[in-house]
Amino acid sequence: MAISKDLLEILVCPLCKATLELKADESGLKCIQCHRVYPIRDEIPVMLTDEARVEE
């Protein structure tokens, strides 16, 4: 089961408050502004800046 559209609409990057997009492989949520990727573990997004990695 993927992240629901309703949840994706309300989640924002905790660092810059920009919109997040689900990665194609559904492994994480990527910020469209600062390019941080927040991992998804057991279908739960981990929205901690310490857990995110920057991806271009």
PDB file of N, CA and C in Angstrom:
ATOM      1  N   MET A   1       0.837  -1.190   0.000  1.00  0.00           N
ATOM      2  CA  MET A   1       0.000   0.000   0.000  1.00  0.00           C
ATOM      3  C   MET A   1       0.879   1.249   0.000  1.00  0.00           C
ATOM      4  N   ALA A   2       0.615   2.154  -0.898  1.00  0.00           N
ATOM      5  CA  ALA A   2       1.385   3.385  -1.023  1.00  0.00           C
ATOM      6  C   ALA A   2       0.841   4.461  -0.077  1.00  0.00           C
ATOM      7  N   ILE A   3       1.564   5.551  -0.020  1.00  0.00           N
ATOM      8  CA  ILE A   3       1.133   6.704   0.766  1.00  0.00           C
ATOM      9  C   ILE A   3      -0.155   7.256   0.137  1.00  0.00           C
ATOM     10  N   SER A   4      -1.143   7.568   0.964  1.00  0.00           N
ATOM     11  CA  SER A   4      -2.408   8.077   0.435  1.00  0.00           C
ATOM     12  C   SER A   4      -2.224   9.488  -0.134  1.00  0.00           C
ATOM     13  N   LYS A   5      -3.038   9.815  -1.129  1.00  0.00           N
ATOM     14  CA  LYS A   5      -2.971  11.143  -1.747  1.00  0.00           C
ATOM     15  C   LYS A   5      -3.321  12.227  -0.742  1.00  0.00           C
ATOM     16  N   ASP A   6      -4.251  11.926   0.159  1.00  0.00           N
ATOM     17  CA  ASP A   6      -4.645  12.905   1.174  1.00  0.00           C
ATOM     18  C   ASP A   6      -3.471  13.255   2.080  1.00  0.00           C
ATOM     19  N   LEU A   7      -2.716  12.258   2.489  1.00  0.00           N
ATOM     20  CA  LEU A   7      -1.551  12.494   3.341  1.00  0.00           C
ATOM     21  C   LEU A   7      -0.485  13.258   2.569  1.00  0.00           C
ATOM     22  N   LEU A   8      -0.257  12.887   1.341  1.00  0.00           N
ATOM     23  CA  LEU A   8       0.761  13.541   0.518  1.00  0.00           C
ATOM     24  C   LEU A   8       0.437  15.022   0.305  1.00  0.00           C
ATOM     25  N   GLU A   9      -0.829  15.357   0.241  1.00  0.00           N
ATOM     26  CA  GLU A   9      -1.237  16.749   0.048  1.00  0.00           C
ATOM     27  C   GLU A   9      -0.941  17.624   1.263  1.00  0.00           C
ATOM     28  N   ILE A  10      -0.946  17.063   2.467  1.00  0.00           N
ATOM     29  CA  ILE A  10      -0.741  17.895   3.658  1.00  0.00           C
ATOM     30  C   ILE A  10       0.696  17.876   4.170  1.00  0.00           C
ATOM     31  N   LEU A  11       1.491  16.895   3.749  1.00  0.00           N
ATOM     32  CA  LEU A  11       2.876  16.841   4.196  1.00  0.00           C
ATOM     33  C   LEU A  11       3.721  17.867   3.450  1.00  0.00           C
ATOM     34  N   VAL A  12       4.608  18.534   4.189  1.00  0.00           N
ATOM     35  CA  VAL A  12       5.575  19.459   3.602  1.00  0.00           C
ATOM     36  C   VAL A  12       6.940  19.163   4.200  1.00  0.00           C
ATOM     37  N   CYS A  13       7.960  19.665   3.557  1.00  0.00           N
ATOM     38  CA  CYS A  13       9.320  19.500   4.064  1.00  0.00           C
ATOM     39  C   CYS A  13       9.432  20.207   5.417  1.00  0.00           C
ATOM     40  N   PRO A  14       9.902  19.513   6.450  1.00  0.00           N
ATOM     41  CA  PRO A  14      10.009  20.150   7.764  1.00  0.00           C
ATOM     42  C   PRO A  14      11.074  21.250   7.811  1.00  0.00           C
ATOM     43  N   LEU A  15      11.989  21.250   6.864  1.00  0.00           N
ATOM     44  CA  LEU A  15      13.058  22.242   6.863  1.00  0.00           C
ATOM     45  C   LEU A  15      12.655  23.524   6.132  1.00  0.00           C
ATOM     46  N   CYS A  16      12.159  23.397   4.897  1.00  0.00           N
ATOM     47  CA  CYS A  16      11.866  24.597   4.103  1.00  0.00           C
ATOM     48  C   CYS A  16      10.376  24.799   3.822  1.00  0.00           C
ATOM     49  N   LYS A  17       9.547  23.855   4.246  1.00  0.00           N
ATOM     50  CA  LYS A  17       8.077  23.928   4.105  1.00  0.00           C
ATOM     51  C   LYS A  17       7.577  23.839   2.661  1.00  0.00           C
ATOM     52  N   ALA A  18       8.395  23.301   1.754  1.00  0.00           N
ATOM     53  CA  ALA A  18       7.996  23.146   0.357  1.00  0.00           C
ATOM     54  C   ALA A  18       7.242  21.825   0.162  1.00  0.00           C
ATOM     55  N   THR A  19       6.652  21.678  -0.990  1.00  0.00           N
ATOM     56  CA  THR A  19       5.886  20.491  -1.357  1.00  0.00           C
ATOM     57  C   THR A  19       6.797  19.275  -1.502  1.00  0.00           C
ATOM     58  N   LEU A  20       6.257  18.110  -1.154  1.00  0.00           N
ATOM     59  CA  LEU A  20       6.979  16.849  -1.297  1.00  0.00           C
ATOM     60  C   LEU A  20       6.358  16.030  -2.421  1.00  0.00           C
ATOM     61  N   GLU A  21       7.210  15.283  -3.119  1.00  0.00           N
ATOM     62  CA  GLU A  21       6.743  14.378  -4.168  1.00  0.00           C
ATOM     63  C   GLU A  21       7.202  12.967  -3.841  1.00  0.00           C
ATOM     64  N   LEU A  22       6.349  12.009  -4.135  1.00  0.00           N
ATOM     65  CA  LEU A  22       6.701  10.606  -3.938  1.00  0.00           C
ATOM     66  C   LEU A  22       7.694  10.194  -5.018  1.00  0.00           C
ATOM     67  N   LYS A  23       8.819   9.609  -4.611  1.00  0.00           N
ATOM     68  CA  LYS A  23       9.804   9.141  -5.585  1.00  0.00           C
ATOM     69  C   LYS A  23       9.199   8.023  -6.432  1.00  0.00           C
ATOM     70  N   ALA A  24       9.722   7.855  -7.626  1.00  0.00           N
ATOM     71  CA  ALA A  24       9.190   6.857  -8.567  1.00  0.00           C
ATOM     72  C   ALA A  24       9.217   5.448  -7.986  1.00  0.00           C
ATOM     73  N   ASP A  25      10.270   5.126  -7.215  1.00  0.00           N
ATOM     74  CA  ASP A  25      10.374   3.784  -6.633  1.00  0.00           C
ATOM     75  C   ASP A  25       9.655   3.677  -5.281  1.00  0.00           C
ATOM     76  N   GLU A  26       8.983   4.764  -4.870  1.00  0.00           N
ATOM     77  CA  GLU A  26       8.215   4.838  -3.618  1.00  0.00           C
ATOM     78  C   GLU A  26       9.052   4.569  -2.376  1.00  0.00           C
ATOM     79  N   SER A  27      10.356   4.871  -2.454  1.00  0.00           N
ATOM     80  CA  SER A  27      11.245   4.661  -1.302  1.00  0.00           C
ATOM     81  C   SER A  27      11.309   5.872  -0.384  1.00  0.00           C
ATOM     82  N   GLY A  28      10.787   6.999  -0.844  1.00  0.00           N
ATOM     83  CA  GLY A  28      10.850   8.198  -0.031  1.00  0.00           C
ATOM     84  C   GLY A  28      10.063   9.341  -0.628  1.00  0.00           C
ATOM     85  N   LEU A  29      10.023  10.440   0.132  1.00  0.00           N
ATOM     86  CA  LEU A  29       9.360  11.664  -0.293  1.00  0.00           C
ATOM     87  C   LEU A  29      10.438  12.714  -0.530  1.00  0.00           C
ATOM     88  N   LYS A  30      10.448  13.308  -1.726  1.00  0.00           N
ATOM     89  CA  LYS A  30      11.483  14.262  -2.099  1.00  0.00           C
ATOM     90  C   LYS A  30      10.929  15.677  -2.109  1.00  0.00           C
ATOM     91  N   CYS A  31      11.653  16.583  -1.463  1.00  0.00           N
ATOM     92  CA  CYS A  31      11.292  17.992  -1.437  1.00  0.00           C
ATOM     93  C   CYS A  31      11.625  18.612  -2.793  1.00  0.00           C
ATOM     94  N   ILE A  32      10.685  19.380  -3.350  1.00  0.00           N
ATOM     95  CA  ILE A  32      10.920  19.975  -4.658  1.00  0.00           C
ATOM     96  C   ILE A  32      11.843  21.194  -4.580  1.00  0.00           C
ATOM     97  N   GLN A  33      12.065  21.712  -3.381  1.00  0.00           N
ATOM     98  CA  GLN A  33      12.889  22.911  -3.247  1.00  0.00           C
ATOM     99  C   GLN A  33      14.312  22.600  -2.780  1.00  0.00           C
ATOM    100  N   CYS A  34      14.472  21.908  -1.656  1.00  0.00           N
ATOM    101  CA  CYS A  34      15.813  21.663  -1.116  1.00  0.00           C
ATOM    102  C   CYS A  34      16.356  20.279  -1.484  1.00  0.00           C
ATOM    103  N   HIS A  35      15.561  19.461  -2.171  1.00  0.00           N
ATOM    104  CA  HIS A  35      15.954  18.140  -2.702  1.00  0.00           C
ATOM    105  C   HIS A  35      16.296  17.107  -1.628  1.00  0.00           C
ATOM    106  N   ARG A  36      15.804  17.308  -0.418  1.00  0.00           N
ATOM    107  CA  ARG A  36      15.995  16.286   0.615  1.00  0.00           C
ATOM    108  C   ARG A  36      14.988  15.165   0.375  1.00  0.00           C
ATOM    109  N   VAL A  37      15.437  13.946   0.626  1.00  0.00           N
ATOM    110  CA  VAL A  37      14.561  12.785   0.484  1.00  0.00           C
ATOM    111  C   VAL A  37      14.342  12.192   1.872  1.00  0.00           C
ATOM    112  N   TYR A  38      13.079  12.152   2.277  1.00  0.00           N
ATOM    113  CA  TYR A  38      12.701  11.582   3.559  1.00  0.00           C
ATOM    114  C   TYR A  38      12.264  10.139   3.313  1.00  0.00           C
ATOM    115  N   PRO A  39      12.889   9.193   4.013  1.00  0.00           N
ATOM    116  CA  PRO A  39      12.600   7.777   3.741  1.00  0.00           C
ATOM    117  C   PRO A  39      11.199   7.369   4.188  1.00  0.00           C
ATOM    118  N   ILE A  40      10.710   6.315   3.560  1.00  0.00           N
ATOM    119  CA  ILE A  40       9.443   5.698   3.968  1.00  0.00           C
ATOM    120  C   ILE A  40       9.786   4.318   4.500  1.00  0.00           C
ATOM    121  N   ARG A  41       9.466   4.082   5.758  1.00  0.00           N
ATOM    122  CA  ARG A  41       9.743   2.790   6.392  1.00  0.00           C
ATOM    123  C   ARG A  41       8.438   2.187   6.890  1.00  0.00           C
ATOM    124  N   ASP A  42       8.163   0.961   6.485  1.00  0.00           N
ATOM    125  CA  ASP A  42       6.926   0.272   6.869  1.00  0.00           C
ATOM    126  C   ASP A  42       5.702   1.132   6.568  1.00  0.00           C
ATOM    127  N   GLU A  43       5.726   1.765   5.366  1.00  0.00           N
ATOM    128  CA  GLU A  43       4.630   2.604   4.877  1.00  0.00           C
ATOM    129  C   GLU A  43       4.415   3.873   5.694  1.00  0.00           C
ATOM    130  N   ILE A  44       5.416   4.279   6.491  1.00  0.00           N
ATOM    131  CA  ILE A  44       5.325   5.483   7.312  1.00  0.00           C
ATOM    132  C   ILE A  44       6.453   6.433   6.909  1.00  0.00           C
ATOM    133  N   PRO A  45       6.123   7.660   6.482  1.00  0.00           N
ATOM    134  CA  PRO A  45       7.173   8.619   6.146  1.00  0.00           C
ATOM    135  C   PRO A  45       7.923   9.070   7.404  1.00  0.00           C
ATOM    136  N   VAL A  46       9.235   9.044   7.334  1.00  0.00           N
ATOM    137  CA  VAL A  46      10.082   9.484   8.452  1.00  0.00           C
ATOM    138  C   VAL A  46      10.472  10.931   8.159  1.00  0.00           C
ATOM    139  N   MET A  47       9.777  11.869   8.787  1.00  0.00           N
ATOM    140  CA  MET A  47       9.928  13.283   8.481  1.00  0.00           C
ATOM    141  C   MET A  47      10.911  13.976   9.423  1.00  0.00           C
ATOM    142  N   LEU A  48      12.049  13.374   9.631  1.00  0.00           N
ATOM    143  CA  LEU A  48      13.096  13.935  10.481  1.00  0.00           C
ATOM    144  C   LEU A  48      14.242  14.398   9.591  1.00  0.00           C
ATOM    145  N   THR A  49      14.702  15.638   9.789  1.00  0.00           N
ATOM    146  CA  THR A  49      15.771  16.158   8.936  1.00  0.00           C
ATOM    147  C   THR A  49      17.064  15.369   9.097  1.00  0.00           C
ATOM    148  N   ASP A  50      17.285  14.781  10.263  1.00  0.00           N
ATOM    149  CA  ASP A  50      18.491  13.965  10.482  1.00  0.00           C
ATOM    150  C   ASP A  50      18.454  12.668   9.670  1.00  0.00           C
ATOM    151  N   GLU A  51      17.266  12.205   9.318  1.00  0.00           N
ATOM    152  CA  GLU A  51      17.114  10.959   8.559  1.00  0.00           C
ATOM    153  C   GLU A  51      17.111  11.202   7.044  1.00  0.00           C
ATOM    154  N   ALA A  52      16.961  12.456   6.641  1.00  0.00           N
ATOM    155  CA  ALA A  52      16.871  12.783   5.207  1.00  0.00           C
ATOM    156  C   ALA A  52      18.263  12.826   4.578  1.00  0.00           C
ATOM    157  N   ARG A  53      18.282  12.596   3.266  1.00  0.00           N
ATOM    158  CA  ARG A  53      19.522  12.753   2.506  1.00  0.00           C
ATOM    159  C   ARG A  53      19.235  13.690   1.341  1.00  0.00           C
ATOM    160  N   VAL A  54      20.243  14.433   0.923  1.00  0.00           N
ATOM    161  CA  VAL A  54      20.081  15.370  -0.186  1.00  0.00           C
ATOM    162  C   VAL A  54      20.383  14.634  -1.484  1.00  0.00           C
ATOM    163  N   GLU A  55      19.484  14.810  -2.457  1.00  0.00           N
ATOM    164  CA  GLU A  55      19.586  14.127  -3.741  1.00  0.00           C
ATOM    165  C   GLU A  55      19.338  15.159  -4.842  1.00  0.00           C
ATOM    166  N   GLU A  56      20.108  15.105  -5.884  1.00  0.00           N
ATOM    167  CA  GLU A  56      19.897  16.057  -6.999  1.00  0.00           C
ATOM    168  C   GLU A  56      18.961  15.525  -8.008  1.00  0.00           C
TER     169      GLU A  56
END
